[in-house]
């Protein structure tokens, strides 16, 4: 979980557009971020397994 100060800093508009950092809205993690869901891979997996993300289900073959 990212510190509250780091999350607050990432919400501010940066001086340059290349400094924008996408963060998971649930935990604040910046690596493993999925733009389609606005989540990191860990939170995505937790919510998908619980069935809380519509249209996503565990694959099996």
PDB file of N, CA and C in Angstrom:
ATOM      1  N   UNK A   1       0.841  -1.170   0.000  1.00  0.00           N
ATOM      2  CA  UNK A   1       0.000   0.000   0.000  1.00  0.00           C
ATOM      3  C   UNK A   1       0.891   1.240   0.000  1.00  0.00           C
ATOM      4  N   UNK A   2       0.618   2.149  -0.919  1.00  0.00           N
ATOM      5  CA  UNK A   2       1.408   3.377  -1.027  1.00  0.00           C
ATOM      6  C   UNK A   2       1.043   4.341   0.111  1.00  0.00           C
ATOM      7  N   UNK A   3       2.014   5.180   0.496  1.00  0.00           N
ATOM      8  CA  UNK A   3       1.765   6.158   1.542  1.00  0.00           C
ATOM      9  C   UNK A   3       0.740   7.178   1.061  1.00  0.00           C
ATOM     10  N   UNK A   4      -0.004   7.740   1.997  1.00  0.00           N
ATOM     11  CA  UNK A   4      -1.029   8.724   1.652  1.00  0.00           C
ATOM     12  C   UNK A   4      -0.427   9.950   0.983  1.00  0.00           C
ATOM     13  N   UNK A   5       0.786  10.323   1.382  1.00  0.00           N
ATOM     14  CA  UNK A   5       1.436  11.490   0.794  1.00  0.00           C
ATOM     15  C   UNK A   5       1.792  11.241  -0.674  1.00  0.00           C
ATOM     16  N   UNK A   6       2.195  10.007  -0.999  1.00  0.00           N
ATOM     17  CA  UNK A   6       2.543   9.663  -2.381  1.00  0.00           C
ATOM     18  C   UNK A   6       1.292   9.660  -3.260  1.00  0.00           C
ATOM     19  N   UNK A   7       0.194   9.127  -2.712  1.00  0.00           N
ATOM     20  CA  UNK A   7      -1.069   9.108  -3.458  1.00  0.00           C
ATOM     21  C   UNK A   7      -1.560  10.531  -3.686  1.00  0.00           C
ATOM     22  N   UNK A   8      -1.486  11.375  -2.657  1.00  0.00           N
ATOM     23  CA  UNK A   8      -1.921  12.764  -2.778  1.00  0.00           C
ATOM     24  C   UNK A   8      -1.079  13.514  -3.802  1.00  0.00           C
ATOM     25  N   UNK A   9       0.226  13.245  -3.825  1.00  0.00           N
ATOM     26  CA  UNK A   9       1.116  13.894  -4.785  1.00  0.00           C
ATOM     27  C   UNK A   9       0.780  13.482  -6.218  1.00  0.00           C
ATOM     28  N   UNK A  10       0.399  12.218  -6.406  1.00  0.00           N
ATOM     29  CA  UNK A  10       0.098  11.749  -7.763  1.00  0.00           C
ATOM     30  C   UNK A  10      -1.226  12.308  -8.285  1.00  0.00           C
ATOM     31  N   UNK A  11      -2.098  12.754  -7.391  1.00  0.00           N
ATOM     32  CA  UNK A  11      -3.378  13.318  -7.820  1.00  0.00           C
ATOM     33  C   UNK A  11      -3.252  14.760  -8.312  1.00  0.00           C
ATOM     34  N   UNK A  12      -2.177  15.437  -7.891  1.00  0.00           N
ATOM     35  CA  UNK A  12      -1.960  16.820  -8.335  1.00  0.00           C
ATOM     36  C   UNK A  12      -1.516  16.843  -9.797  1.00  0.00           C
ATOM     37  N   UNK A  13      -1.857  17.907 -10.507  1.00  0.00           N
ATOM     38  CA  UNK A  13      -1.448  18.042 -11.903  1.00  0.00           C
ATOM     39  C   UNK A  13       0.051  18.339 -11.950  1.00  0.00           C
ATOM     40  N   UNK A  14       0.828  17.511 -12.683  1.00  0.00           N
ATOM     41  CA  UNK A  14       2.277  17.722 -12.718  1.00  0.00           C
ATOM     42  C   UNK A  14       2.667  18.905 -13.607  1.00  0.00           C
ATOM     43  N   UNK A  15       3.884  19.374 -13.429  1.00  0.00           N
ATOM     44  CA  UNK A  15       4.404  20.492 -14.206  1.00  0.00           C
ATOM     45  C   UNK A  15       4.510  20.124 -15.681  1.00  0.00           C
ATOM     46  N   UNK A  16       4.919  18.886 -15.955  1.00  0.00           N
ATOM     47  CA  UNK A  16       5.048  18.400 -17.330  1.00  0.00           C
ATOM     48  C   UNK A  16       4.179  17.165 -17.514  1.00  0.00           C
ATOM     49  N   UNK A  17       3.600  17.016 -18.701  1.00  0.00           N
ATOM     50  CA  UNK A  17       2.655  15.924 -18.937  1.00  0.00           C
ATOM     51  C   UNK A  17       3.306  14.547 -18.876  1.00  0.00           C
ATOM     52  N   UNK A  18       4.616  14.466 -19.101  1.00  0.00           N
ATOM     53  CA  UNK A  18       5.284  13.164 -19.069  1.00  0.00           C
ATOM     54  C   UNK A  18       5.498  12.645 -17.644  1.00  0.00           C
ATOM     55  N   UNK A  19       5.239  13.468 -16.661  1.00  0.00           N
ATOM     56  CA  UNK A  19       5.404  13.053 -15.266  1.00  0.00           C
ATOM     57  C   UNK A  19       4.153  12.406 -14.678  1.00  0.00           C
ATOM     58  N   UNK A  20       3.101  12.259 -15.475  1.00  0.00           N
ATOM     59  CA  UNK A  20       1.870  11.654 -14.981  1.00  0.00           C
ATOM     60  C   UNK A  20       2.132  10.191 -14.623  1.00  0.00           C
ATOM     61  N   UNK A  21       1.689   9.798 -13.432  1.00  0.00           N
ATOM     62  CA  UNK A  21       1.841   8.418 -12.973  1.00  0.00           C
ATOM     63  C   UNK A  21       0.456   7.848 -12.720  1.00  0.00           C
ATOM     64  N   UNK A  22       0.127   6.760 -13.397  1.00  0.00           N
ATOM     65  CA  UNK A  22      -1.146   6.096 -13.154  1.00  0.00           C
ATOM     66  C   UNK A  22      -1.018   5.224 -11.921  1.00  0.00           C
ATOM     67  N   UNK A  23      -1.985   5.336 -11.011  1.00  0.00           N
ATOM     68  CA  UNK A  23      -1.961   4.554  -9.785  1.00  0.00           C
ATOM     69  C   UNK A  23      -3.300   3.858  -9.590  1.00  0.00           C
ATOM     70  N   UNK A  24      -3.246   2.707  -8.964  1.00  0.00           N
ATOM     71  CA  UNK A  24      -4.445   1.946  -8.616  1.00  0.00           C
ATOM     72  C   UNK A  24      -5.288   2.797  -7.668  1.00  0.00           C
ATOM     73  N   UNK A  25      -6.588   2.901  -7.945  1.00  0.00           N
ATOM     74  CA  UNK A  25      -7.417   3.750  -7.090  1.00  0.00           C
ATOM     75  C   UNK A  25      -7.686   3.083  -5.740  1.00  0.00           C
ATOM     76  N   UNK A  26      -7.509   1.778  -5.668  1.00  0.00           N
ATOM     77  CA  UNK A  26      -7.805   1.053  -4.430  1.00  0.00           C
ATOM     78  C   UNK A  26      -6.623   1.077  -3.461  1.00  0.00           C
ATOM     79  N   UNK A  27      -5.415   0.774  -3.947  1.00  0.00           N
ATOM     80  CA  UNK A  27      -4.265   0.669  -3.037  1.00  0.00           C
ATOM     81  C   UNK A  27      -3.161   1.679  -3.325  1.00  0.00           C
ATOM     82  N   UNK A  28      -3.145   2.318  -4.497  1.00  0.00           N
ATOM     83  CA  UNK A  28      -2.142   3.329  -4.811  1.00  0.00           C
ATOM     84  C   UNK A  28      -0.901   2.788  -5.485  1.00  0.00           C
ATOM     85  N   UNK A  29      -0.890   1.502  -5.828  1.00  0.00           N
ATOM     86  CA  UNK A  29       0.274   0.878  -6.466  1.00  0.00           C
ATOM     87  C   UNK A  29       0.456   1.430  -7.877  1.00  0.00           C
ATOM     88  N   UNK A  30       1.712   1.678  -8.308  1.00  0.00           N
ATOM     89  CA  UNK A  30       1.945   2.240  -9.637  1.00  0.00           C
ATOM     90  C   UNK A  30       2.396   1.207 -10.660  1.00  0.00           C
ATOM     91  N   UNK A  31       3.013   0.111 -10.219  1.00  0.00           N
ATOM     92  CA  UNK A  31       3.445  -0.921 -11.161  1.00  0.00           C
ATOM     93  C   UNK A  31       2.340  -1.960 -11.338  1.00  0.00           C
ATOM     94  N   UNK A  32       2.278  -2.557 -12.511  1.00  0.00           N
ATOM     95  CA  UNK A  32       1.266  -3.573 -12.773  1.00  0.00           C
ATOM     96  C   UNK A  32      -0.107  -2.956 -12.915  1.00  0.00           C
ATOM     97  N   UNK A  33      -0.180  -1.736 -13.439  1.00  0.00           N
ATOM     98  CA  UNK A  33      -1.431  -0.981 -13.554  1.00  0.00           C
ATOM     99  C   UNK A  33      -2.169  -1.351 -14.835  1.00  0.00           C
ATOM    100  N   UNK A  34      -3.480  -1.564 -14.752  1.00  0.00           N
ATOM    101  CA  UNK A  34      -4.320  -1.861 -15.913  1.00  0.00           C
ATOM    102  C   UNK A  34      -5.233  -0.673 -16.172  1.00  0.00           C
ATOM    103  N   UNK A  35      -5.039  -0.017 -17.308  1.00  0.00           N
ATOM    104  CA  UNK A  35      -5.805   1.191 -17.621  1.00  0.00           C
ATOM    105  C   UNK A  35      -7.297   0.922 -17.767  1.00  0.00           C
ATOM    106  N   UNK A  36      -7.640  -0.210 -18.355  1.00  0.00           N
ATOM    107  CA  UNK A  36      -9.053  -0.513 -18.608  1.00  0.00           C
ATOM    108  C   UNK A  36      -9.865  -0.557 -17.316  1.00  0.00           C
ATOM    109  N   UNK A  37      -9.238  -0.971 -16.230  1.00  0.00           N
ATOM    110  CA  UNK A  37      -9.961  -1.149 -14.975  1.00  0.00           C
ATOM    111  C   UNK A  37      -9.530  -0.159 -13.904  1.00  0.00           C
ATOM    112  N   UNK A  38      -8.479   0.622 -14.135  1.00  0.00           N
ATOM    113  CA  UNK A  38      -7.946   1.586 -13.174  1.00  0.00           C
ATOM    114  C   UNK A  38      -7.506   0.885 -11.882  1.00  0.00           C
ATOM    115  N   UNK A  39      -6.972  -0.352 -12.045  1.00  0.00           N
ATOM    116  CA  UNK A  39      -6.540  -1.163 -10.919  1.00  0.00           C
ATOM    117  C   UNK A  39      -5.155  -1.732 -11.173  1.00  0.00           C
ATOM    118  N   UNK A  40      -4.467  -2.105 -10.091  1.00  0.00           N
ATOM    119  CA  UNK A  40      -3.223  -2.854 -10.248  1.00  0.00           C
ATOM    120  C   UNK A  40      -3.574  -4.328 -10.418  1.00  0.00           C
ATOM    121  N   UNK A  41      -2.606  -5.128 -10.792  1.00  0.00           N
ATOM    122  CA  UNK A  41      -2.859  -6.534 -11.082  1.00  0.00           C
ATOM    123  C   UNK A  41      -3.325  -7.301  -9.852  1.00  0.00           C
ATOM    124  N   UNK A  42      -2.849  -6.912  -8.676  1.00  0.00           N
ATOM    125  CA  UNK A  42      -3.201  -7.616  -7.455  1.00  0.00           C
ATOM    126  C   UNK A  42      -4.658  -7.343  -7.070  1.00  0.00           C
ATOM    127  N   UNK A  43      -5.052  -6.080  -7.089  1.00  0.00           N
ATOM    128  CA  UNK A  43      -6.439  -5.722  -6.771  1.00  0.00           C
ATOM    129  C   UNK A  43      -7.390  -6.257  -7.834  1.00  0.00           C
ATOM    130  N   UNK A  44      -6.949  -6.250  -9.093  1.00  0.00           N
ATOM    131  CA  UNK A  44      -7.763  -6.788 -10.173  1.00  0.00           C
ATOM    132  C   UNK A  44      -8.061  -8.262  -9.928  1.00  0.00           C
ATOM    133  N   UNK A  45      -7.039  -9.012  -9.553  1.00  0.00           N
ATOM    134  CA  UNK A  45      -7.218 -10.448  -9.326  1.00  0.00           C
ATOM    135  C   UNK A  45      -8.159 -10.709  -8.152  1.00  0.00           C
ATOM    136  N   UNK A  46      -7.998  -9.947  -7.073  1.00  0.00           N
ATOM    137  CA  UNK A  46      -8.871 -10.113  -5.905  1.00  0.00           C
ATOM    138  C   UNK A  46     -10.333  -9.851  -6.273  1.00  0.00           C
ATOM    139  N   UNK A  47     -10.593  -8.733  -6.959  1.00  0.00           N
ATOM    140  CA  UNK A  47     -11.964  -8.376  -7.306  1.00  0.00           C
ATOM    141  C   UNK A  47     -12.550  -9.316  -8.357  1.00  0.00           C
ATOM    142  N   UNK A  48     -11.720  -9.774  -9.295  1.00  0.00           N
ATOM    143  CA  UNK A  48     -12.204 -10.694 -10.323  1.00  0.00           C
ATOM    144  C   UNK A  48     -12.582 -12.037  -9.711  1.00  0.00           C
ATOM    145  N   UNK A  49     -11.803 -12.531  -8.776  1.00  0.00           N
ATOM    146  CA  UNK A  49     -12.114 -13.802  -8.117  1.00  0.00           C
ATOM    147  C   UNK A  49     -13.377 -13.714  -7.271  1.00  0.00           C
ATOM    148  N   UNK A  50     -13.653 -12.538  -6.727  1.00  0.00           N
ATOM    149  CA  UNK A  50     -14.875 -12.337  -5.949  1.00  0.00           C
ATOM    150  C   UNK A  50     -16.086 -12.091  -6.844  1.00  0.00           C
ATOM    151  N   UNK A  51     -15.834 -11.882  -8.161  1.00  0.00           N
ATOM    152  CA  UNK A  51     -16.930 -11.636  -9.099  1.00  0.00           C
ATOM    153  C   UNK A  51     -17.448 -10.213  -9.064  1.00  0.00           C
ATOM    154  N   UNK A  52     -16.632  -9.278  -8.630  1.00  0.00           N
ATOM    155  CA  UNK A  52     -17.068  -7.886  -8.499  1.00  0.00           C
ATOM    156  C   UNK A  52     -16.772  -7.043  -9.727  1.00  0.00           C
ATOM    157  N   UNK A  53     -16.084  -7.598 -10.723  1.00  0.00           N
ATOM    158  CA  UNK A  53     -15.818  -6.878 -11.966  1.00  0.00           C
ATOM    159  C   UNK A  53     -16.708  -7.494 -13.038  1.00  0.00           C
ATOM    160  N   UNK A  54     -17.685  -6.732 -13.568  1.00  0.00           N
ATOM    161  CA  UNK A  54     -18.593  -7.305 -14.555  1.00  0.00           C
ATOM    162  C   UNK A  54     -17.886  -7.655 -15.865  1.00  0.00           C
ATOM    163  N   UNK A  55     -18.223  -8.811 -16.417  1.00  0.00           N
ATOM    164  CA  UNK A  55     -17.659  -9.245 -17.688  1.00  0.00           C
ATOM    165  C   UNK A  55     -16.325  -9.940 -17.576  1.00  0.00           C
ATOM    166  N   UNK A  56     -15.811 -10.141 -16.372  1.00  0.00           N
ATOM    167  CA  UNK A  56     -14.521 -10.795 -16.175  1.00  0.00           C
ATOM    168  C   UNK A  56     -14.747 -12.067 -15.365  1.00  0.00           C
ATOM    169  N   UNK A  57     -14.180 -13.172 -15.873  1.00  0.00           N
ATOM    170  CA  UNK A  57     -14.258 -14.414 -15.099  1.00  0.00           C
ATOM    171  C   UNK A  57     -12.988 -15.202 -15.306  1.00  0.00           C
ATOM    172  N   UNK A  58     -12.722 -16.107 -14.402  1.00  0.00           N
ATOM    173  CA  UNK A  58     -11.501 -16.912 -14.446  1.00  0.00           C
ATOM    174  C   UNK A  58     -11.548 -17.859 -15.630  1.00  0.00           C
ATOM    175  N   UNK A  59     -10.464 -17.898 -16.386  1.00  0.00           N
ATOM    176  CA  UNK A  59     -10.427 -18.757 -17.554  1.00  0.00           C
ATOM    177  C   UNK A  59     -10.037 -20.177 -17.156  1.00  0.00           C
ATOM    178  N   UNK A  60     -10.540 -21.136 -17.917  1.00  0.00           N
ATOM    179  CA  UNK A  60     -10.124 -22.528 -17.727  1.00  0.00           C
ATOM    180  C   UNK A  60     -10.264 -23.252 -19.048  1.00  0.00           C
ATOM    181  N   UNK A  61      -9.295 -24.087 -19.363  1.00  0.00           N
ATOM    182  CA  UNK A  61      -9.343 -24.843 -20.601  1.00  0.00           C
ATOM    183  C   UNK A  61      -8.653 -26.166 -20.448  1.00  0.00           C
TER     184      UNK A  61
END
